[in-house]
Structure formats: structure tokens, C-alpha cells
Amino acid sequence: MYVELKNINKTYGDYKASDNVSFGIEKGKLIGLLGPSGSGKTTILRMIAGLEDITSGKIYLDNTFLNDILPRDRKLAMAFQNYALYKHMNVYDNMALGLKLRDLPRTVISTRVKTAAAFLGISDILTKKIRSISDSERQRVALGRAIVCHPKVLLVDEDFAHQDDDLRKDMIHDILKINKDLGITVLYVTNNYEEAVSLNSRVIFMKDGKVIEDSM
């Protein structure tokens, strides 16, 4: 398996947010992680990303043990709920920020940003400030910022599209395109059954911190 979780537990005092969760994801696949609020799915996502400590268990990416690797070094990208964009900066600089922090050459940064922008259909707004573009465009900028880093895995949380139906449809279209055309492995978290089914892919169902069903 490309991504592998082995007996993952996460506790907060007496509360178990994740209860002995184990599953794997094959390289290049897109899977949905489905469950009601409080089921532990977002906690799983954040532990894979390194944003939450693991109480016990092991996570691997491409046979690399991730538990002790810093989030920035995990070769993952996560689409955050609030997009985490800097409104005083333009689209290009938002998409390029992570690459600049890695001290990549300017020509490499420019090529990656322009390529991702063309892929997502936002080449015409690269010079615009974030505050002046639409929510749909902001969503694509956030996805573009994720893929310019050439991640091995893209993690997308259920609230990324702010519960707006049109935005969510656009987002599903874009992540399916990212998965199919770029070959990036995707884990998509949702609490919406119809949305999970629309992925036309494997779905893992969670409840009370446990994996209840796996359509694999």
C-alpha cells in the first residue's frame, strides 16, 4: 500500500477520537472517508498530515515511517477549510509561497505556478489580489497552491467548500481531475453519502472513531 495506517489511536483524556484504525490506500487512487461529525475522520486526516500527534499506531507513506517526520517534510498537501490564503497578496504569490519557503529557483517556481494555474483554469487571475476574486476562484487557488508542491498525496477536508453546493461540485470536479490527470493520490473526507458515492471510488465509513465498513 502507498499510504498505510496501522492500529491508529488518538485519545483526549478518556475520549477516543480514533479507535484502532487501520487501512491502506494504493498509489494513484482516490478514496472517500465518510462518516458523521465526530466520527474521527478529520482527526485521521490531521494525523496523516502531521497536524495531530498519534497516541499509538503507525503511519507509512511509500514505505516511509511518517510518525516522527515534520509536517513540512511529509510530501503531502492539505486543502484547509478556510483556504488559508493571504488576502493582501495576489494569486501568484499565494500559490508560490510554499515553494519560496523551500528556496526553489525563481524559474522553477514560475513554471510550477503557471502550469498549475493553467491546469485549474485560473491563469487570467494570477495578478489579482485574493480579496478581489470569487470564492470559486479562491478554492482553485488553494488547490493550486497544494499541487505546485508536487505532493504524493492530497488531503481534502469536508468543509473545504464551506458547505456551498456549487462550490462543492466544482471542488469534486477539480480533485477528480487532479487525481486522474496528475496521478496524485487523494483522500477526501466527507459527511455526505451522496457526495462520497459521486467520487465513483472506494469509500471507508467511520463511526465513533472506528472503521465500520470499507467498500474495497
N, C-alpha and C. Protein backbone atom coordinates (compact mmCIF):
# COMPACT_ATOMS: atom_id res chain seq x y z
N MET A 1 0.83 -1.21 0.00
CA MET A 1 0.00 0.00 0.00
C MET A 1 0.88 1.27 0.00
N TYR A 2 0.40 2.30 -0.69
CA TYR A 2 1.15 3.55 -0.79
C TYR A 2 1.05 4.36 0.51
N VAL A 3 -0.19 4.48 1.01
CA VAL A 3 -0.42 5.06 2.33
C VAL A 3 -0.96 3.95 3.21
N GLU A 4 -0.39 3.79 4.38
CA GLU A 4 -0.84 2.70 5.25
C GLU A 4 -0.95 3.17 6.70
N LEU A 5 -2.12 2.96 7.28
CA LEU A 5 -2.36 3.25 8.70
C LEU A 5 -2.49 1.92 9.44
N LYS A 6 -1.71 1.79 10.51
CA LYS A 6 -1.73 0.55 11.27
C LYS A 6 -2.09 0.82 12.73
N ASN A 7 -3.29 0.39 13.11
CA ASN A 7 -3.74 0.46 14.50
C ASN A 7 -3.58 1.86 15.10
N ILE A 8 -4.17 2.84 14.41
CA ILE A 8 -4.04 4.24 14.83
C ILE A 8 -5.04 4.58 15.92
N ASN A 9 -4.51 5.08 17.04
CA ASN A 9 -5.34 5.54 18.15
C ASN A 9 -5.01 6.98 18.48
N LYS A 10 -6.06 7.74 18.80
CA LYS A 10 -5.90 9.12 19.26
C LYS A 10 -6.87 9.35 20.40
N THR A 11 -6.33 9.66 21.57
CA THR A 11 -7.16 9.89 22.75
C THR A 11 -6.95 11.30 23.29
N TYR A 12 -8.04 11.86 23.79
CA TYR A 12 -8.02 13.13 24.51
C TYR A 12 -8.58 12.84 25.90
N GLY A 13 -7.71 12.56 26.85
CA GLY A 13 -8.21 12.13 28.16
C GLY A 13 -8.87 10.78 28.04
N ASP A 14 -10.14 10.71 28.40
CA ASP A 14 -10.89 9.45 28.31
C ASP A 14 -11.59 9.28 26.96
N TYR A 15 -11.51 10.32 26.11
CA TYR A 15 -12.23 10.28 24.83
C TYR A 15 -11.34 9.72 23.74
N LYS A 16 -11.86 8.74 22.99
CA LYS A 16 -11.13 8.16 21.88
C LYS A 16 -11.63 8.72 20.56
N ALA A 17 -10.83 9.60 19.95
CA ALA A 17 -11.21 10.17 18.66
C ALA A 17 -10.93 9.19 17.53
N SER A 18 -9.94 8.35 17.72
CA SER A 18 -9.61 7.31 16.75
C SER A 18 -9.34 6.03 17.51
N ASP A 19 -10.04 4.96 17.11
CA ASP A 19 -10.00 3.71 17.87
C ASP A 19 -9.49 2.56 17.00
N ASN A 20 -8.16 2.36 17.05
CA ASN A 20 -7.54 1.21 16.38
C ASN A 20 -7.86 1.18 14.88
N VAL A 21 -7.66 2.32 14.21
CA VAL A 21 -7.99 2.44 12.79
C VAL A 21 -6.85 1.92 11.92
N SER A 22 -7.19 1.04 10.99
CA SER A 22 -6.21 0.50 10.04
C SER A 22 -6.82 0.47 8.64
N PHE A 23 -6.12 1.04 7.68
CA PHE A 23 -6.49 0.89 6.27
C PHE A 23 -5.32 1.35 5.41
N GLY A 24 -5.37 0.98 4.15
CA GLY A 24 -4.33 1.38 3.21
C GLY A 24 -4.92 1.98 1.96
N ILE A 25 -4.11 2.77 1.27
CA ILE A 25 -4.53 3.41 0.02
C ILE A 25 -3.48 3.08 -1.05
N GLU A 26 -3.92 2.57 -2.19
CA GLU A 26 -3.00 2.27 -3.27
C GLU A 26 -2.56 3.56 -3.98
N LYS A 27 -1.38 3.51 -4.55
CA LYS A 27 -0.83 4.68 -5.24
C LYS A 27 -1.73 5.11 -6.40
N GLY A 28 -1.97 6.42 -6.46
CA GLY A 28 -2.75 6.98 -7.55
C GLY A 28 -4.25 6.85 -7.41
N LYS A 29 -4.71 6.29 -6.30
CA LYS A 29 -6.15 6.11 -6.09
C LYS A 29 -6.76 7.30 -5.36
N LEU A 30 -8.06 7.44 -5.51
CA LEU A 30 -8.84 8.43 -4.75
C LEU A 30 -9.82 7.65 -3.89
N ILE A 31 -9.83 7.90 -2.60
CA ILE A 31 -10.82 7.25 -1.73
C ILE A 31 -11.53 8.29 -0.88
N GLY A 32 -12.75 7.97 -0.52
CA GLY A 32 -13.54 8.82 0.35
C GLY A 32 -13.54 8.26 1.77
N LEU A 33 -13.42 9.15 2.72
CA LEU A 33 -13.54 8.77 4.14
C LEU A 33 -14.82 9.41 4.64
N LEU A 34 -15.84 8.57 4.85
CA LEU A 34 -17.20 9.03 5.12
C LEU A 34 -17.60 8.76 6.56
N GLY A 35 -18.34 9.71 7.14
CA GLY A 35 -18.86 9.50 8.49
C GLY A 35 -19.49 10.76 9.04
N PRO A 36 -20.32 10.63 10.06
CA PRO A 36 -20.96 11.80 10.67
C PRO A 36 -19.95 12.64 11.43
N SER A 37 -20.35 13.84 11.81
CA SER A 37 -19.49 14.70 12.63
C SER A 37 -19.13 13.96 13.92
N GLY A 38 -17.85 14.04 14.28
CA GLY A 38 -17.40 13.37 15.50
C GLY A 38 -17.00 11.93 15.30
N SER A 39 -16.99 11.47 14.05
CA SER A 39 -16.66 10.06 13.80
C SER A 39 -15.16 9.79 13.81
N GLY A 40 -14.36 10.85 13.75
CA GLY A 40 -12.91 10.70 13.80
C GLY A 40 -12.21 10.85 12.47
N LYS A 41 -12.97 11.09 11.40
CA LYS A 41 -12.36 11.13 10.08
C LYS A 41 -11.41 12.31 9.89
N THR A 42 -11.78 13.49 10.39
CA THR A 42 -10.89 14.63 10.26
C THR A 42 -9.65 14.46 11.13
N THR A 43 -9.81 13.83 12.28
CA THR A 43 -8.66 13.54 13.14
C THR A 43 -7.67 12.64 12.40
N ILE A 44 -8.19 11.64 11.68
CA ILE A 44 -7.34 10.76 10.88
C ILE A 44 -6.58 11.58 9.83
N LEU A 45 -7.29 12.47 9.14
CA LEU A 45 -6.67 13.31 8.12
C LEU A 45 -5.54 14.13 8.71
N ARG A 46 -5.79 14.73 9.86
CA ARG A 46 -4.79 15.60 10.50
C ARG A 46 -3.60 14.80 11.03
N MET A 47 -3.82 13.57 11.44
CA MET A 47 -2.69 12.75 11.88
C MET A 47 -1.82 12.34 10.69
N ILE A 48 -2.44 12.05 9.55
CA ILE A 48 -1.66 11.74 8.35
C ILE A 48 -0.82 12.95 7.96
N ALA A 49 -1.41 14.14 8.07
CA ALA A 49 -0.70 15.37 7.71
C ALA A 49 0.35 15.77 8.73
N GLY A 50 0.28 15.21 9.94
CA GLY A 50 1.22 15.57 10.99
C GLY A 50 0.78 16.73 11.84
N LEU A 51 -0.49 17.13 11.69
CA LEU A 51 -1.01 18.27 12.45
C LEU A 51 -1.57 17.84 13.81
N GLU A 52 -1.73 16.53 13.99
CA GLU A 52 -2.15 15.96 15.27
C GLU A 52 -1.17 14.85 15.64
N ASP A 53 -0.77 14.81 16.90
CA ASP A 53 0.08 13.72 17.36
C ASP A 53 -0.71 12.42 17.43
N ILE A 54 -0.04 11.32 17.19
CA ILE A 54 -0.66 10.00 17.26
C ILE A 54 -0.43 9.43 18.66
N THR A 55 -1.50 9.00 19.32
CA THR A 55 -1.34 8.40 20.64
C THR A 55 -0.61 7.06 20.53
N SER A 56 -1.03 6.24 19.57
CA SER A 56 -0.33 4.99 19.27
C SER A 56 -0.69 4.53 17.87
N GLY A 57 0.18 3.68 17.30
CA GLY A 57 -0.03 3.22 15.94
C GLY A 57 1.03 3.77 15.00
N LYS A 58 0.97 3.36 13.74
CA LYS A 58 2.00 3.75 12.78
C LYS A 58 1.36 4.17 11.45
N ILE A 59 1.96 5.20 10.84
CA ILE A 59 1.53 5.65 9.52
C ILE A 59 2.73 5.61 8.58
N TYR A 60 2.51 5.06 7.38
CA TYR A 60 3.57 4.98 6.37
C TYR A 60 3.12 5.65 5.08
N LEU A 61 4.07 6.26 4.39
CA LEU A 61 3.84 6.78 3.05
C LEU A 61 4.95 6.25 2.16
N ASP A 62 4.58 5.45 1.17
CA ASP A 62 5.55 4.87 0.25
C ASP A 62 6.67 4.16 1.03
N ASN A 63 6.27 3.39 2.05
CA ASN A 63 7.17 2.62 2.92
C ASN A 63 8.03 3.48 3.84
N THR A 64 7.77 4.79 3.89
CA THR A 64 8.48 5.67 4.82
C THR A 64 7.65 5.86 6.08
N PHE A 65 8.25 5.61 7.24
CA PHE A 65 7.56 5.77 8.52
C PHE A 65 7.38 7.26 8.80
N LEU A 66 6.10 7.71 8.90
CA LEU A 66 5.81 9.14 8.99
C LEU A 66 5.74 9.70 10.40
N ASN A 67 5.51 8.89 11.39
CA ASN A 67 5.18 9.40 12.73
C ASN A 67 6.09 10.52 13.22
N ASP A 68 7.38 10.38 12.98
CA ASP A 68 8.35 11.34 13.53
C ASP A 68 8.82 12.37 12.51
N ILE A 69 8.20 12.38 11.34
CA ILE A 69 8.59 13.35 10.30
C ILE A 69 7.74 14.61 10.43
N LEU A 70 8.38 15.77 10.36
CA LEU A 70 7.67 17.04 10.47
C LEU A 70 6.67 17.21 9.32
N PRO A 71 5.56 17.90 9.57
CA PRO A 71 4.54 18.07 8.51
C PRO A 71 5.11 18.58 7.19
N ARG A 72 6.01 19.55 7.24
CA ARG A 72 6.54 20.15 6.01
C ARG A 72 7.41 19.18 5.20
N ASP A 73 7.84 18.09 5.85
CA ASP A 73 8.71 17.14 5.17
C ASP A 73 7.99 15.85 4.76
N ARG A 74 6.67 15.83 4.84
CA ARG A 74 5.92 14.59 4.58
C ARG A 74 5.51 14.38 3.13
N LYS A 75 5.79 15.33 2.25
CA LYS A 75 5.43 15.21 0.83
C LYS A 75 3.93 15.02 0.65
N LEU A 76 3.18 15.72 1.51
CA LEU A 76 1.73 15.73 1.46
C LEU A 76 1.26 17.16 1.27
N ALA A 77 0.03 17.32 0.80
CA ALA A 77 -0.59 18.64 0.75
C ALA A 77 -2.00 18.52 1.30
N MET A 78 -2.41 19.54 2.06
CA MET A 78 -3.75 19.51 2.65
C MET A 78 -4.50 20.76 2.26
N ALA A 79 -5.74 20.58 1.81
CA ALA A 79 -6.61 21.71 1.48
C ALA A 79 -7.39 22.08 2.73
N PHE A 80 -7.12 23.25 3.27
CA PHE A 80 -7.71 23.66 4.53
C PHE A 80 -9.10 24.25 4.34
N GLN A 81 -9.89 24.15 5.42
CA GLN A 81 -11.28 24.60 5.40
C GLN A 81 -11.40 26.08 5.03
N ASN A 82 -10.54 26.91 5.58
CA ASN A 82 -10.65 28.36 5.33
C ASN A 82 -9.73 28.83 4.20
N TYR A 83 -9.19 27.86 3.43
CA TYR A 83 -8.28 28.11 2.32
C TYR A 83 -6.90 28.59 2.77
N ALA A 84 -6.83 29.29 3.94
CA ALA A 84 -5.56 29.78 4.49
C ALA A 84 -4.79 30.61 3.46
N LEU A 85 -5.52 31.46 2.73
CA LEU A 85 -4.89 32.34 1.75
C LEU A 85 -4.63 33.70 2.36
N TYR A 86 -3.60 34.39 1.85
CA TYR A 86 -3.26 35.72 2.34
C TYR A 86 -3.92 36.76 1.44
N LYS A 87 -4.92 37.45 1.98
CA LYS A 87 -5.75 38.33 1.17
C LYS A 87 -5.02 39.55 0.65
N HIS A 88 -3.93 39.97 1.31
CA HIS A 88 -3.19 41.15 0.86
C HIS A 88 -2.22 40.81 -0.28
N MET A 89 -2.07 39.51 -0.56
CA MET A 89 -1.18 39.07 -1.63
C MET A 89 -1.98 38.66 -2.86
N ASN A 90 -1.31 38.69 -4.02
CA ASN A 90 -2.02 38.27 -5.22
C ASN A 90 -2.02 36.74 -5.35
N VAL A 91 -2.72 36.26 -6.37
CA VAL A 91 -2.88 34.82 -6.56
C VAL A 91 -1.53 34.14 -6.78
N TYR A 92 -0.70 34.73 -7.63
CA TYR A 92 0.61 34.13 -7.92
C TYR A 92 1.42 33.95 -6.64
N ASP A 93 1.50 34.99 -5.83
CA ASP A 93 2.33 34.93 -4.62
C ASP A 93 1.77 33.93 -3.61
N ASN A 94 0.45 33.81 -3.54
CA ASN A 94 -0.15 32.80 -2.65
C ASN A 94 0.23 31.40 -3.10
N MET A 95 0.16 31.15 -4.41
CA MET A 95 0.48 29.83 -4.92
C MET A 95 1.97 29.52 -4.81
N ALA A 96 2.78 30.56 -4.88
CA ALA A 96 4.24 30.38 -4.88
C ALA A 96 4.84 30.32 -3.48
N LEU A 97 4.08 30.70 -2.47
CA LEU A 97 4.65 30.89 -1.13
C LEU A 97 5.38 29.65 -0.61
N GLY A 98 4.74 28.50 -0.69
CA GLY A 98 5.36 27.28 -0.18
C GLY A 98 6.65 26.94 -0.90
N LEU A 99 6.70 27.24 -2.19
CA LEU A 99 7.90 26.96 -2.98
C LEU A 99 9.02 27.93 -2.61
N LYS A 100 8.65 29.20 -2.34
CA LYS A 100 9.65 30.18 -1.92
C LYS A 100 10.25 29.80 -0.58
N LEU A 101 9.41 29.27 0.31
CA LEU A 101 9.91 28.86 1.63
C LEU A 101 10.87 27.68 1.52
N ARG A 102 10.76 26.94 0.43
CA ARG A 102 11.68 25.82 0.19
C ARG A 102 12.91 26.26 -0.60
N ASP A 103 13.00 27.57 -0.88
CA ASP A 103 14.16 28.16 -1.58
C ASP A 103 14.37 27.55 -2.97
N LEU A 104 13.28 27.25 -3.67
CA LEU A 104 13.42 26.76 -5.04
C LEU A 104 13.79 27.92 -5.97
N PRO A 105 14.48 27.64 -7.06
CA PRO A 105 14.85 28.70 -8.01
C PRO A 105 13.61 29.42 -8.55
N ARG A 106 13.76 30.70 -8.83
CA ARG A 106 12.64 31.51 -9.29
C ARG A 106 12.02 30.95 -10.57
N THR A 107 12.85 30.45 -11.46
CA THR A 107 12.33 29.91 -12.72
C THR A 107 11.48 28.66 -12.49
N VAL A 108 11.89 27.84 -11.54
CA VAL A 108 11.14 26.63 -11.20
C VAL A 108 9.79 27.02 -10.60
N ILE A 109 9.82 28.00 -9.70
CA ILE A 109 8.59 28.47 -9.06
C ILE A 109 7.62 29.00 -10.11
N SER A 110 8.12 29.83 -11.00
CA SER A 110 7.28 30.42 -12.04
C SER A 110 6.65 29.34 -12.92
N THR A 111 7.45 28.36 -13.33
CA THR A 111 6.94 27.28 -14.19
C THR A 111 5.86 26.48 -13.47
N ARG A 112 6.11 26.14 -12.22
CA ARG A 112 5.14 25.32 -11.48
C ARG A 112 3.83 26.08 -11.25
N VAL A 113 3.92 27.35 -10.88
CA VAL A 113 2.72 28.14 -10.62
C VAL A 113 1.91 28.31 -11.90
N LYS A 114 2.56 28.67 -12.98
CA LYS A 114 1.85 28.90 -14.24
C LYS A 114 1.25 27.60 -14.79
N THR A 115 1.95 26.49 -14.60
CA THR A 115 1.43 25.20 -15.05
C THR A 115 0.19 24.81 -14.26
N ALA A 116 0.25 24.98 -12.94
CA ALA A 116 -0.90 24.65 -12.09
C ALA A 116 -2.08 25.57 -12.37
N ALA A 117 -1.79 26.85 -12.60
CA ALA A 117 -2.85 27.82 -12.90
C ALA A 117 -3.55 27.46 -14.21
N ALA A 118 -2.78 27.08 -15.21
CA ALA A 118 -3.37 26.68 -16.49
C ALA A 118 -4.21 25.42 -16.31
N PHE A 119 -3.72 24.47 -15.53
CA PHE A 119 -4.43 23.22 -15.29
C PHE A 119 -5.79 23.47 -14.65
N LEU A 120 -5.85 24.44 -13.73
CA LEU A 120 -7.07 24.74 -12.99
C LEU A 120 -7.90 25.87 -13.61
N GLY A 121 -7.42 26.42 -14.71
CA GLY A 121 -8.18 27.47 -15.40
C GLY A 121 -8.19 28.81 -14.70
N ILE A 122 -7.10 29.15 -14.02
CA ILE A 122 -7.05 30.44 -13.31
C ILE A 122 -5.85 31.29 -13.74
N SER A 123 -5.35 31.05 -14.94
CA SER A 123 -4.19 31.80 -15.43
C SER A 123 -4.47 33.30 -15.53
N ASP A 124 -5.74 33.64 -15.79
CA ASP A 124 -6.10 35.04 -16.00
C ASP A 124 -6.23 35.85 -14.71
N ILE A 125 -6.08 35.22 -13.55
CA ILE A 125 -6.24 35.97 -12.29
C ILE A 125 -4.96 35.97 -11.45
N LEU A 126 -3.85 35.56 -12.02
CA LEU A 126 -2.61 35.43 -11.24
C LEU A 126 -2.17 36.74 -10.61
N THR A 127 -2.48 37.86 -11.23
CA THR A 127 -2.04 39.16 -10.69
C THR A 127 -3.08 39.81 -9.77
N LYS A 128 -4.23 39.17 -9.63
CA LYS A 128 -5.29 39.75 -8.80
C LYS A 128 -5.09 39.42 -7.32
N LYS A 129 -5.51 40.36 -6.46
CA LYS A 129 -5.45 40.12 -5.03
C LYS A 129 -6.54 39.14 -4.62
N ILE A 130 -6.28 38.36 -3.61
CA ILE A 130 -7.23 37.35 -3.15
C ILE A 130 -8.57 37.98 -2.78
N ARG A 131 -8.53 39.15 -2.19
CA ARG A 131 -9.78 39.80 -1.74
C ARG A 131 -10.69 40.17 -2.90
N SER A 132 -10.16 40.20 -4.12
CA SER A 132 -10.94 40.66 -5.27
C SER A 132 -11.48 39.52 -6.14
N ILE A 133 -11.19 38.26 -5.76
CA ILE A 133 -11.65 37.14 -6.59
C ILE A 133 -12.80 36.40 -5.91
N SER A 134 -13.49 35.58 -6.67
CA SER A 134 -14.67 34.87 -6.16
C SER A 134 -14.27 33.71 -5.26
N ASP A 135 -15.25 33.17 -4.53
CA ASP A 135 -14.99 32.01 -3.67
C ASP A 135 -14.56 30.80 -4.50
N SER A 136 -15.18 30.63 -5.65
CA SER A 136 -14.81 29.52 -6.52
C SER A 136 -13.35 29.63 -6.96
N GLU A 137 -12.94 30.86 -7.29
CA GLU A 137 -11.55 31.08 -7.70
C GLU A 137 -10.60 30.89 -6.52
N ARG A 138 -11.02 31.32 -5.33
CA ARG A 138 -10.18 31.11 -4.14
C ARG A 138 -9.98 29.62 -3.88
N GLN A 139 -11.03 28.85 -4.08
CA GLN A 139 -10.95 27.41 -3.89
C GLN A 139 -9.91 26.81 -4.83
N ARG A 140 -9.91 27.26 -6.08
CA ARG A 140 -8.94 26.75 -7.05
C ARG A 140 -7.52 27.23 -6.75
N VAL A 141 -7.41 28.43 -6.23
CA VAL A 141 -6.08 28.93 -5.82
C VAL A 141 -5.52 28.04 -4.71
N ALA A 142 -6.37 27.70 -3.75
CA ALA A 142 -5.93 26.84 -2.64
C ALA A 142 -5.51 25.46 -3.15
N LEU A 143 -6.26 24.91 -4.09
CA LEU A 143 -5.87 23.63 -4.68
C LEU A 143 -4.59 23.77 -5.49
N GLY A 144 -4.47 24.89 -6.20
CA GLY A 144 -3.26 25.14 -6.98
C GLY A 144 -2.03 25.25 -6.10
N ARG A 145 -2.18 25.93 -4.98
CA ARG A 145 -1.06 26.06 -4.04
C ARG A 145 -0.63 24.68 -3.52
N ALA A 146 -1.61 23.77 -3.40
CA ALA A 146 -1.28 22.42 -2.94
C ALA A 146 -0.52 21.63 -4.01
N ILE A 147 -0.97 21.70 -5.26
CA ILE A 147 -0.37 20.84 -6.28
C ILE A 147 0.96 21.36 -6.81
N VAL A 148 1.27 22.65 -6.62
CA VAL A 148 2.57 23.15 -7.09
C VAL A 148 3.72 22.50 -6.33
N CYS A 149 3.43 22.00 -5.15
CA CYS A 149 4.46 21.34 -4.34
C CYS A 149 4.71 19.90 -4.79
N HIS A 150 3.97 19.46 -5.80
CA HIS A 150 4.09 18.09 -6.32
C HIS A 150 3.97 17.06 -5.19
N PRO A 151 2.86 17.11 -4.44
CA PRO A 151 2.70 16.18 -3.32
C PRO A 151 2.45 14.76 -3.80
N LYS A 152 2.81 13.80 -2.96
CA LYS A 152 2.50 12.41 -3.26
C LYS A 152 1.03 12.13 -2.95
N VAL A 153 0.50 12.86 -1.95
CA VAL A 153 -0.88 12.66 -1.52
C VAL A 153 -1.54 14.02 -1.26
N LEU A 154 -2.77 14.17 -1.71
CA LEU A 154 -3.57 15.37 -1.43
C LEU A 154 -4.66 14.99 -0.44
N LEU A 155 -4.73 15.72 0.66
CA LEU A 155 -5.73 15.50 1.70
C LEU A 155 -6.74 16.65 1.64
N VAL A 156 -8.03 16.31 1.51
CA VAL A 156 -9.07 17.33 1.38
C VAL A 156 -10.12 17.11 2.46
N ASP A 157 -10.38 18.14 3.27
CA ASP A 157 -11.36 18.01 4.34
C ASP A 157 -12.75 18.39 3.84
N GLU A 158 -13.77 17.86 4.50
CA GLU A 158 -15.16 18.01 4.07
C GLU A 158 -15.63 19.45 4.02
N ASP A 159 -15.11 20.32 4.87
CA ASP A 159 -15.59 21.69 4.93
C ASP A 159 -14.81 22.64 4.02
N PHE A 160 -13.96 22.07 3.15
CA PHE A 160 -13.14 22.90 2.27
C PHE A 160 -13.99 23.83 1.42
N ALA A 161 -15.16 23.35 0.98
CA ALA A 161 -16.03 24.15 0.11
C ALA A 161 -17.11 24.90 0.88
N HIS A 162 -16.96 24.98 2.20
CA HIS A 162 -17.86 25.80 3.02
C HIS A 162 -19.33 25.43 2.88
N GLN A 163 -19.61 24.18 2.59
CA GLN A 163 -20.98 23.68 2.54
C GLN A 163 -21.81 24.26 1.39
N ASP A 164 -21.22 25.06 0.53
CA ASP A 164 -21.94 25.61 -0.63
C ASP A 164 -22.00 24.53 -1.72
N ASP A 165 -23.22 24.20 -2.17
CA ASP A 165 -23.39 23.09 -3.11
C ASP A 165 -22.62 23.29 -4.42
N ASP A 166 -22.68 24.49 -4.98
CA ASP A 166 -21.98 24.73 -6.24
C ASP A 166 -20.47 24.63 -6.06
N LEU A 167 -19.97 25.19 -4.95
CA LEU A 167 -18.54 25.11 -4.68
C LEU A 167 -18.09 23.67 -4.49
N ARG A 168 -18.92 22.91 -3.82
CA ARG A 168 -18.57 21.51 -3.57
C ARG A 168 -18.53 20.72 -4.88
N LYS A 169 -19.47 20.99 -5.78
CA LYS A 169 -19.48 20.31 -7.08
C LYS A 169 -18.22 20.68 -7.88
N ASP A 170 -17.88 21.97 -7.84
CA ASP A 170 -16.66 22.42 -8.52
C ASP A 170 -15.44 21.73 -7.93
N MET A 171 -15.42 21.63 -6.60
CA MET A 171 -14.28 21.04 -5.92
C MET A 171 -14.14 19.56 -6.24
N ILE A 172 -15.26 18.82 -6.26
CA ILE A 172 -15.24 17.41 -6.61
C ILE A 172 -14.69 17.24 -8.03
N HIS A 173 -15.16 18.09 -8.94
CA HIS A 173 -14.67 18.05 -10.33
C HIS A 173 -13.16 18.25 -10.37
N ASP A 174 -12.68 19.23 -9.60
CA ASP A 174 -11.25 19.55 -9.63
C ASP A 174 -10.39 18.46 -9.01
N ILE A 175 -10.85 17.88 -7.89
CA ILE A 175 -10.00 16.85 -7.28
C ILE A 175 -10.02 15.56 -8.09
N LEU A 176 -11.13 15.27 -8.76
CA LEU A 176 -11.15 14.12 -9.67
C LEU A 176 -10.17 14.34 -10.82
N LYS A 177 -10.11 15.56 -11.31
CA LYS A 177 -9.19 15.91 -12.39
C LYS A 177 -7.74 15.81 -11.91
N ILE A 178 -7.48 16.30 -10.70
CA ILE A 178 -6.13 16.23 -10.12
C ILE A 178 -5.71 14.77 -9.98
N ASN A 179 -6.63 13.95 -9.50
CA ASN A 179 -6.33 12.53 -9.31
C ASN A 179 -6.07 11.83 -10.65
N LYS A 180 -6.97 12.06 -11.61
CA LYS A 180 -6.88 11.34 -12.89
C LYS A 180 -5.73 11.85 -13.76
N ASP A 181 -5.64 13.17 -13.93
CA ASP A 181 -4.68 13.72 -14.89
C ASP A 181 -3.27 13.85 -14.32
N LEU A 182 -3.15 14.11 -13.01
CA LEU A 182 -1.83 14.28 -12.41
C LEU A 182 -1.36 13.03 -11.66
N GLY A 183 -2.28 12.09 -11.46
CA GLY A 183 -1.91 10.85 -10.80
C GLY A 183 -1.63 10.99 -9.32
N ILE A 184 -2.12 12.06 -8.71
CA ILE A 184 -1.89 12.29 -7.28
C ILE A 184 -2.90 11.48 -6.47
N THR A 185 -2.42 10.76 -5.48
CA THR A 185 -3.28 10.00 -4.58
C THR A 185 -4.10 10.99 -3.74
N VAL A 186 -5.40 10.75 -3.59
CA VAL A 186 -6.28 11.69 -2.89
C VAL A 186 -7.08 10.97 -1.81
N LEU A 187 -7.11 11.57 -0.62
CA LEU A 187 -8.00 11.12 0.45
C LEU A 187 -8.97 12.26 0.72
N TYR A 188 -10.24 12.02 0.46
CA TYR A 188 -11.27 13.06 0.61
C TYR A 188 -12.22 12.70 1.74
N VAL A 189 -12.32 13.60 2.71
CA VAL A 189 -13.17 13.40 3.89
C VAL A 189 -14.50 14.11 3.69
N THR A 190 -15.60 13.39 3.94
CA THR A 190 -16.92 14.00 3.79
C THR A 190 -17.92 13.36 4.77
N ASN A 191 -18.98 14.12 5.08
CA ASN A 191 -20.08 13.55 5.88
C ASN A 191 -21.33 13.36 5.03
N ASN A 192 -21.17 13.52 3.71
CA ASN A 192 -22.29 13.45 2.78
C ASN A 192 -22.21 12.16 1.96
N TYR A 193 -23.18 11.28 2.16
CA TYR A 193 -23.16 9.97 1.48
C TYR A 193 -23.19 10.12 -0.04
N GLU A 194 -24.09 10.95 -0.55
CA GLU A 194 -24.22 11.12 -1.99
C GLU A 194 -22.93 11.65 -2.60
N GLU A 195 -22.27 12.56 -1.86
CA GLU A 195 -21.02 13.11 -2.33
C GLU A 195 -19.94 12.02 -2.38
N ALA A 196 -19.90 11.19 -1.36
CA ALA A 196 -18.93 10.10 -1.33
C ALA A 196 -19.15 9.14 -2.50
N VAL A 197 -20.41 8.84 -2.78
CA VAL A 197 -20.74 7.94 -3.88
C VAL A 197 -20.37 8.57 -5.23
N SER A 198 -20.52 9.91 -5.32
CA SER A 198 -20.22 10.60 -6.58
C SER A 198 -18.75 10.51 -6.96
N LEU A 199 -17.90 10.17 -6.00
CA LEU A 199 -16.48 10.00 -6.30
C LEU A 199 -16.25 8.78 -7.18
N ASN A 200 -17.25 7.88 -7.21
CA ASN A 200 -17.17 6.65 -8.00
C ASN A 200 -15.89 5.88 -7.67
N SER A 201 -15.63 5.78 -6.39
CA SER A 201 -14.40 5.17 -5.94
C SER A 201 -14.64 4.46 -4.61
N ARG A 202 -13.59 3.94 -4.04
CA ARG A 202 -13.67 3.26 -2.76
C ARG A 202 -14.05 4.23 -1.65
N VAL A 203 -14.92 3.78 -0.74
CA VAL A 203 -15.35 4.61 0.39
C VAL A 203 -15.14 3.83 1.69
N ILE A 204 -14.52 4.49 2.67
CA ILE A 204 -14.36 3.93 4.01
C ILE A 204 -15.30 4.67 4.93
N PHE A 205 -16.15 3.92 5.64
CA PHE A 205 -17.14 4.54 6.53
C PHE A 205 -16.67 4.45 7.98
N MET A 206 -16.67 5.60 8.67
CA MET A 206 -16.26 5.65 10.07
C MET A 206 -17.40 6.08 10.98
N LYS A 207 -17.38 5.56 12.20
CA LYS A 207 -18.34 5.96 13.23
C LYS A 207 -17.70 5.74 14.59
N ASP A 208 -17.85 6.73 15.46
CA ASP A 208 -17.32 6.65 16.83
C ASP A 208 -15.84 6.27 16.84
N GLY A 209 -15.08 6.83 15.91
CA GLY A 209 -13.63 6.63 15.89
C GLY A 209 -13.18 5.33 15.27
N LYS A 210 -14.12 4.53 14.75
CA LYS A 210 -13.78 3.22 14.21
C LYS A 210 -14.14 3.11 12.73
N VAL A 211 -13.41 2.27 12.01
CA VAL A 211 -13.80 1.93 10.64
C VAL A 211 -14.90 0.89 10.72
N ILE A 212 -16.10 1.23 10.23
CA ILE A 212 -17.25 0.34 10.30
C ILE A 212 -17.39 -0.49 9.04
N GLU A 213 -17.05 0.12 7.89
CA GLU A 213 -17.23 -0.57 6.61
C GLU A 213 -16.23 -0.02 5.60
N ASP A 214 -15.76 -0.88 4.72
CA ASP A 214 -14.82 -0.50 3.67
C ASP A 214 -15.31 -1.13 2.37
N SER A 215 -15.61 -0.30 1.37
CA SER A 215 -16.18 -0.80 0.12
C SER A 215 -15.16 -1.46 -0.79
N MET A 216 -13.92 -1.53 -0.38
CA MET A 216 -12.85 -2.11 -1.20
C MET A 216 -13.18 -3.55 -1.61
